[in-house]
PDB file of N, CA and C in Angstrom:
ATOM      1  N   MET A   1     111.368 109.685  96.117  1.00  0.00           N
ATOM      2  CA  MET A   1     110.860 108.953  94.598  1.00  0.00           C
ATOM      3  C   MET A   1     112.537 109.517  93.986  1.00  0.00           C
ATOM      4  N   GLU A   2     112.802 108.551  93.768  1.00  0.00           N
ATOM      5  CA  GLU A   2     113.707 108.171  92.899  1.00  0.00           C
ATOM      6  C   GLU A   2     113.807 107.954  91.275  1.00  0.00           C
ATOM      7  N   GLN A   3     114.811 108.113  90.545  1.00  0.00           N
ATOM      8  CA  GLN A   3     115.244 108.521  89.197  1.00  0.00           C
ATOM      9  C   GLN A   3     115.986 107.616  88.217  1.00  0.00           C
ATOM     10  N   TYR A   4     115.590 107.148  87.254  1.00  0.00           N
ATOM     11  CA  TYR A   4     116.813 106.271  86.742  1.00  0.00           C
ATOM     12  C   TYR A   4     116.374 106.626  85.393  1.00  0.00           C
ATOM     13  N   ILE A   5     117.517 106.678  84.610  1.00  0.00           N
ATOM     14  CA  ILE A   5     117.600 107.348  83.344  1.00  0.00           C
ATOM     15  C   ILE A   5     117.929 105.733  82.545  1.00  0.00           C
ATOM     16  N   TYR A   6     117.888 104.798  81.787  1.00  0.00           N
ATOM     17  CA  TYR A   6     117.814 103.040  81.023  1.00  0.00           C
ATOM     18  C   TYR A   6     118.018 103.591  79.750  1.00  0.00           C
ATOM     19  N   GLU A   7     119.136 103.125  79.756  1.00  0.00           N
ATOM     20  CA  GLU A   7     119.281 103.090  77.434  1.00  0.00           C
ATOM     21  C   GLU A   7     119.279 101.276  77.390  1.00  0.00           C
ATOM     22  N   ASP A   8     118.591 101.110  76.193  1.00  0.00           N
ATOM     23  CA  ASP A   8     119.057 100.728  75.687  1.00  0.00           C
ATOM     24  C   ASP A   8     118.363 100.705  74.132  1.00  0.00           C
ATOM     25  N   GLU A   9     118.578  99.138  73.615  1.00  0.00           N
ATOM     26  CA  GLU A   9     118.196  99.440  71.583  1.00  0.00           C
ATOM     27  C   GLU A   9     117.382  98.686  71.448  1.00  0.00           C
ATOM     28  N   TYR A  10     116.846  99.316  70.577  1.00  0.00           N
ATOM     29  CA  TYR A  10     114.793  98.590  70.411  1.00  0.00           C
ATOM     30  C   TYR A  10     114.933  98.525  68.937  1.00  0.00           C
ATOM     31  N   ARG A  11     115.033  97.623  68.414  1.00  0.00           N
ATOM     32  CA  ARG A  11     114.978  97.386  66.870  1.00  0.00           C
ATOM     33  C   ARG A  11     115.432  98.448  66.071  1.00  0.00           C
ATOM     34  N   GLY A  12     116.948  98.057  66.549  1.00  0.00           N
ATOM     35  CA  GLY A  12     118.225  98.956  65.666  1.00  0.00           C
ATOM     36  C   GLY A  12     118.326 100.735  66.205  1.00  0.00           C
ATOM     37  N   GLN A  13     117.374 101.107  67.310  1.00  0.00           N
ATOM     38  CA  GLN A  13     117.641 102.166  67.562  1.00  0.00           C
ATOM     39  C   GLN A  13     117.925 102.375  68.605  1.00  0.00           C
ATOM     40  N   LYS A  14     118.171 103.319  69.298  1.00  0.00           N
ATOM     41  CA  LYS A  14     118.902 103.296  70.354  1.00  0.00           C
ATOM     42  C   LYS A  14     116.966 104.284  71.400  1.00  0.00           C
ATOM     43  N   ARG A  15     116.993 103.685  72.520  1.00  0.00           N
ATOM     44  CA  ARG A  15     115.933 104.779  73.420  1.00  0.00           C
ATOM     45  C   ARG A  15     116.377 105.176  74.543  1.00  0.00           C
ATOM     46  N   LYS A  16     116.007 105.835  75.409  1.00  0.00           N
ATOM     47  CA  LYS A  16     116.356 106.489  76.797  1.00  0.00           C
ATOM     48  C   LYS A  16     114.678 105.636  77.306  1.00  0.00           C
ATOM     49  N   LEU A  17     115.242 104.953  78.587  1.00  0.00           N
ATOM     50  CA  LEU A  17     113.404 105.232  79.552  1.00  0.00           C
ATOM     51  C   LEU A  17     113.515 105.473  80.520  1.00  0.00           C
ATOM     52  N   LEU A  18     112.496 106.506  81.085  1.00  0.00           N
ATOM     53  CA  LEU A  18     112.508 107.545  82.152  1.00  0.00           C
ATOM     54  C   LEU A  18     111.792 106.159  83.150  1.00  0.00           C
ATOM     55  N   ILE A  19     112.840 105.637  84.274  1.00  0.00           N
ATOM     56  CA  ILE A  19     112.090 105.234  85.126  1.00  0.00           C
ATOM     57  C   ILE A  19     111.865 105.932  87.046  1.00  0.00           C
ATOM     58  N   LEU A  20     110.892 105.770  87.339  1.00  0.00           N
ATOM     59  CA  LEU A  20     110.344 106.920  88.507  1.00  0.00           C
ATOM     60  C   LEU A  20     109.953 105.228  89.460  1.00  0.00           C
ATOM     61  N   SER A  21     110.141 105.548  90.696  1.00  0.00           N
ATOM     62  CA  SER A  21     110.258 104.970  91.771  1.00  0.00           C
ATOM     63  C   SER A  21     108.611 105.249  92.072  1.00  0.00           C
ATOM     64  N   GLY A  22     107.441 104.597  92.924  1.00  0.00           N
ATOM     65  CA  GLY A  22     106.559 105.303  93.290  1.00  0.00           C
ATOM     66  C   GLY A  22     107.070 105.278  95.172  1.00  0.00           C
ATOM     67  N   GLU A  23     106.386 106.318  95.407  1.00  0.00           N
ATOM     68  CA  GLU A  23     106.428 106.940  96.867  1.00  0.00           C
ATOM     69  C   GLU A  23     105.740 105.969  97.419  1.00  0.00           C
ATOM     70  N   ASP A  24     105.177 104.890  97.475  1.00  0.00           N
ATOM     71  CA  ASP A  24     104.855 104.086  98.365  1.00  0.00           C
ATOM     72  C   ASP A  24     104.778 102.824  98.393  1.00  0.00           C
ATOM     73  N   GLY A  25     106.362 102.572  97.497  1.00  0.00           N
ATOM     74  CA  GLY A  25     106.967 101.269  97.192  1.00  0.00           C
ATOM     75  C   GLY A  25     106.561 100.709  96.420  1.00  0.00           C
ATOM     76  N   SER A  26     105.182 100.774  95.747  1.00  0.00           N
ATOM     77  CA  SER A  26     104.682  99.992  94.698  1.00  0.00           C
ATOM     78  C   SER A  26     104.653  99.271  93.591  1.00  0.00           C
ATOM     79  N   GLY A  27     106.289 100.198  93.374  1.00  0.00           N
ATOM     80  CA  GLY A  27     106.987  99.889  91.890  1.00  0.00           C
ATOM     81  C   GLY A  27     107.317 100.702  91.031  1.00  0.00           C
ATOM     82  N   TYR A  28     107.901 100.461  89.827  1.00  0.00           N
ATOM     83  CA  TYR A  28     108.561 101.364  88.853  1.00  0.00           C
ATOM     84  C   TYR A  28     107.572 101.909  87.911  1.00  0.00           C
ATOM     85  N   ARG A  29     107.242 103.211  87.678  1.00  0.00           N
ATOM     86  CA  ARG A  29     106.627 103.109  86.210  1.00  0.00           C
ATOM     87  C   ARG A  29     107.709 103.541  84.887  1.00  0.00           C
ATOM     88  N   VAL A  30     107.355 103.248  84.475  1.00  0.00           N
ATOM     89  CA  VAL A  30     109.160 103.318  82.820  1.00  0.00           C
ATOM     90  C   VAL A  30     107.832 104.131  82.044  1.00  0.00           C
ATOM     91  N   PHE A  31     108.528 105.339  81.311  1.00  0.00           N
ATOM     92  CA  PHE A  31     108.491 106.180  80.282  1.00  0.00           C
ATOM     93  C   PHE A  31     108.821 106.625  79.156  1.00  0.00           C
ATOM     94  N   LEU A  32     108.401 106.075  77.980  1.00  0.00           N
ATOM     95  CA  LEU A  32     109.738 106.325  77.124  1.00  0.00           C
ATOM     96  C   LEU A  32     108.869 107.614  76.333  1.00  0.00           C
ATOM     97  N   GLN A  33     109.460 108.859  76.111  1.00  0.00           N
ATOM     98  CA  GLN A  33     109.166 109.671  75.333  1.00  0.00           C
ATOM     99  C   GLN A  33     108.071 110.844  75.920  1.00  0.00           C
ATOM    100  N   ALA A  34     108.297 110.944  76.968  1.00  0.00           N
ATOM    101  CA  ALA A  34     107.071 111.082  78.263  1.00  0.00           C
ATOM    102  C   ALA A  34     105.927 110.321  77.962  1.00  0.00           C
ATOM    103  N   LYS A  35     105.525 108.975  77.552  1.00  0.00           N
ATOM    104  CA  LYS A  35     104.215 108.410  77.470  1.00  0.00           C
ATOM    105  C   LYS A  35     104.165 106.850  78.728  1.00  0.00           C
ATOM    106  N   PHE A  36     104.013 106.836  79.310  1.00  0.00           N
ATOM    107  CA  PHE A  36     103.630 105.324  80.068  1.00  0.00           C
ATOM    108  C   PHE A  36     103.435 104.763  79.486  1.00  0.00           C
ATOM    109  N   ILE A  37     104.224 102.956  79.484  1.00  0.00           N
ATOM    110  CA  ILE A  37     104.325 102.285  79.173  1.00  0.00           C
ATOM    111  C   ILE A  37     104.025 101.286  79.681  1.00  0.00           C
ATOM    112  N   GLY A  38     104.531 101.020  81.443  1.00  0.00           N
ATOM    113  CA  GLY A  38     103.967 100.430  82.047  1.00  0.00           C
ATOM    114  C   GLY A  38     105.080 100.299  83.431  1.00  0.00           C
ATOM    115  N   LEU A  39     104.336  99.044  84.490  1.00  0.00           N
ATOM    116  CA  LEU A  39     104.915  99.381  85.597  1.00  0.00           C
ATOM    117  C   LEU A  39     105.733  98.182  85.976  1.00  0.00           C
ATOM    118  N   ILE A  40     106.961  98.171  86.525  1.00  0.00           N
ATOM    119  CA  ILE A  40     107.428  97.115  86.938  1.00  0.00           C
ATOM    120  C   ILE A  40     107.375  97.006  88.229  1.00  0.00           C
ATOM    121  N   CYS A  41     107.502  95.830  88.904  1.00  0.00           N
ATOM    122  CA  CYS A  41     107.720  95.668  90.419  1.00  0.00           C
ATOM    123  C   CYS A  41     108.393  94.392  91.093  1.00  0.00           C
ATOM    124  N   PRO A  42     109.331  94.252  91.992  1.00  0.00           N
ATOM    125  CA  PRO A  42     109.941  93.325  92.605  1.00  0.00           C
ATOM    126  C   PRO A  42     109.278  92.899  93.726  1.00  0.00           C
ATOM    127  N   GLU A  43     109.420  91.295  93.178  1.00  0.00           N
ATOM    128  CA  GLU A  43     109.199  90.554  94.330  1.00  0.00           C
ATOM    129  C   GLU A  43     109.814  89.766  94.835  1.00  0.00           C
ATOM    130  N   VAL A  44     109.821  89.571  96.185  1.00  0.00           N
ATOM    131  CA  VAL A  44     110.880  88.816  97.050  1.00  0.00           C
ATOM    132  C   VAL A  44     110.376  87.647  97.649  1.00  0.00           C
ATOM    133  N   ASN A  45     111.372  86.246  96.688  1.00  0.00           N
ATOM    134  CA  ASN A  45     110.865  85.294  96.829  1.00  0.00           C
ATOM    135  C   ASN A  45     112.436  84.636  97.238  1.00  0.00           C
ATOM    136  N   LYS A  46     111.998  83.778  98.865  1.00  0.00           N
ATOM    137  CA  LYS A  46     113.466  84.183  99.510  1.00  0.00           C
ATOM    138  C   LYS A  46     114.312  84.711  99.695  1.00  0.00           C
ATOM    139  N   ASP A  47     115.664  84.672  98.949  1.00  0.00           N
ATOM    140  CA  ASP A  47     116.563  85.707  98.870  1.00  0.00           C
ATOM    141  C   ASP A  47     117.009  86.316  97.762  1.00  0.00           C
ATOM    142  N   ILE A  48     115.740  85.538  97.015  1.00  0.00           N
ATOM    143  CA  ILE A  48     115.498  85.946  95.416  1.00  0.00           C
ATOM    144  C   ILE A  48     115.008  87.402  94.813  1.00  0.00           C
ATOM    145  N   VAL A  49     115.335  88.530  94.632  1.00  0.00           N
ATOM    146  CA  VAL A  49     114.009  89.203  93.591  1.00  0.00           C
ATOM    147  C   VAL A  49     114.015  88.760  92.962  1.00  0.00           C
ATOM    148  N   ILE A  50     112.710  88.328  92.268  1.00  0.00           N
ATOM    149  CA  ILE A  50     111.763  88.500  91.000  1.00  0.00           C
ATOM    150  C   ILE A  50     111.479  89.747  90.465  1.00  0.00           C
ATOM    151  N   TRP A  51     111.498  90.267  89.584  1.00  0.00           N
ATOM    152  CA  TRP A  51     111.024  91.502  88.397  1.00  0.00           C
ATOM    153  C   TRP A  51     110.280  91.007  87.492  1.00  0.00           C
ATOM    154  N   ARG A  52     108.384  91.725  87.884  1.00  0.00           N
ATOM    155  CA  ARG A  52     107.405  91.205  87.069  1.00  0.00           C
ATOM    156  C   ARG A  52     106.973  92.621  86.774  1.00  0.00           C
ATOM    157  N   THR A  53     106.030  92.324  85.103  1.00  0.00           N
ATOM    158  CA  THR A  53     105.302  93.719  85.033  1.00  0.00           C
ATOM    159  C   THR A  53     103.939  92.836  84.353  1.00  0.00           C
ATOM    160  N   ASP A  54     103.061  93.437  84.160  1.00  0.00           N
ATOM    161  CA  ASP A  54     101.946  93.033  83.595  1.00  0.00           C
ATOM    162  C   ASP A  54     101.239  93.972  81.762  1.00  0.00           C
ATOM    163  N   TYR A  55     102.762  94.243  81.751  1.00  0.00           N
ATOM    164  CA  TYR A  55     103.107  95.161  80.257  1.00  0.00           C
ATOM    165  C   TYR A  55     103.543  93.958  79.333  1.00  0.00           C
ATOM    166  N   ASP A  56     102.912  93.845  78.203  1.00  0.00           N
ATOM    167  CA  ASP A  56     104.095  92.911  77.243  1.00  0.00           C
ATOM    168  C   ASP A  56     105.312  93.917  76.890  1.00  0.00           C
ATOM    169  N   ILE A  57     105.104  94.945  76.803  1.00  0.00           N
ATOM    170  CA  ILE A  57     106.403  95.752  76.156  1.00  0.00           C
ATOM    171  C   ILE A  57     107.309  95.234  76.905  1.00  0.00           C
ATOM    172  N   LEU A  58     106.912  95.498  77.878  1.00  0.00           N
ATOM    173  CA  LEU A  58     108.578  95.650  79.049  1.00  0.00           C
ATOM    174  C   LEU A  58     108.552  94.090  79.260  1.00  0.00           C
ATOM    175  N   LYS A  59     107.889  93.052  79.228  1.00  0.00           N
ATOM    176  CA  LYS A  59     108.054  91.275  79.514  1.00  0.00           C
ATOM    177  C   LYS A  59     109.984  91.192  79.348  1.00  0.00           C
ATOM    178  N   PRO A  60     109.733  91.902  77.937  1.00  0.00           N
ATOM    179  CA  PRO A  60     110.838  90.938  77.246  1.00  0.00           C
ATOM    180  C   PRO A  60     112.563  91.545  77.978  1.00  0.00           C
ATOM    181  N   ILE A  61     112.205  92.861  78.581  1.00  0.00           N
ATOM    182  CA  ILE A  61     113.381  93.179  79.180  1.00  0.00           C
ATOM    183  C   ILE A  61     113.131  93.873  80.919  1.00  0.00           C
ATOM    184  N   VAL A  62     112.034  93.267  81.414  1.00  0.00           N
ATOM    185  CA  VAL A  62     111.758  93.583  82.828  1.00  0.00           C
ATOM    186  C   VAL A  62     113.029  93.108  83.477  1.00  0.00           C
ATOM    187  N   ARG A  63     113.215  92.170  83.577  1.00  0.00           N
ATOM    188  CA  ARG A  63     114.545  91.297  83.956  1.00  0.00           C
ATOM    189  C   ARG A  63     116.307  92.615  84.455  1.00  0.00           C
ATOM    190  N   LYS A  64     116.190  92.933  83.071  1.00  0.00           N
ATOM    191  CA  LYS A  64     117.306  93.602  82.894  1.00  0.00           C
ATOM    192  C   LYS A  64     117.242  95.036  83.434  1.00  0.00           C
ATOM    193  N   ILE A  65     115.651  95.400  83.745  1.00  0.00           N
ATOM    194  CA  ILE A  65     115.898  97.022  84.096  1.00  0.00           C
ATOM    195  C   ILE A  65     115.681  96.556  85.180  1.00  0.00           C
ATOM    196  N   GLY A  66     115.220  95.805  85.922  1.00  0.00           N
ATOM    197  CA  GLY A  66     115.170  95.265  87.495  1.00  0.00           C
ATOM    198  C   GLY A  66     116.717  94.757  88.017  1.00  0.00           C
ATOM    199  N   GLU A  67     117.511  94.169  87.576  1.00  0.00           N
ATOM    200  CA  GLU A  67     118.734  94.143  87.972  1.00  0.00           C
ATOM    201  C   GLU A  67     119.405  95.308  87.608  1.00  0.00           C
ATOM    202  N   TRP A  68     119.319  96.223  86.756  1.00  0.00           N
ATOM    203  CA  TRP A  68     120.355  97.344  86.883  1.00  0.00           C
ATOM    204  C   TRP A  68     119.757  98.576  87.861  1.00  0.00           C
ATOM    205  N   ILE A  69     118.867  98.505  88.014  1.00  0.00           N
ATOM    206  CA  ILE A  69     118.295  98.959  89.032  1.00  0.00           C
ATOM    207  C   ILE A  69     118.685  98.883  90.536  1.00  0.00           C
ATOM    208  N   GLU A  70     118.502  97.429  90.716  1.00  0.00           N
ATOM    209  CA  GLU A  70     119.516  96.824  92.150  1.00  0.00           C
ATOM    210  C   GLU A  70     120.997  97.251  92.111  1.00  0.00           C
ATOM    211  N   LYS A  71     121.626  97.455  90.955  1.00  0.00           N
ATOM    212  CA  LYS A  71     123.063  97.540  90.629  1.00  0.00           C
ATOM    213  C   LYS A  71     123.702  99.009  90.784  1.00  0.00           C
ATOM    214  N   SER A  72     122.085  99.798  90.937  1.00  0.00           N
ATOM    215  CA  SER A  72     122.658 101.287  91.141  1.00  0.00           C
ATOM    216  C   SER A  72     122.060 101.732  92.295  1.00  0.00           C
ATOM    217  N   ASN A  73     121.821 100.779  92.914  1.00  0.00           N
ATOM    218  CA  ASN A  73     121.214 101.404  94.903  1.00  0.00           C
ATOM    219  C   ASN A  73     122.359 101.136  95.254  1.00  0.00           C
TER     220      ASN A  73
END
């Protein structure tokens, strides 16, 4: 299991998101202040990785988080 801390700003407030990879490779769970706020998953489409989520709170930043995870590896 991999663990990441993603920092950004939301409505003028800095926040830190804890991101944990799933053990079965099913995606990454995202937490804010110890509360689960969603799941993000990479989808490989030919040579491009597209990051997706079904959670509205993460939709505006899912691509940024995904690209940040890719660069961190």
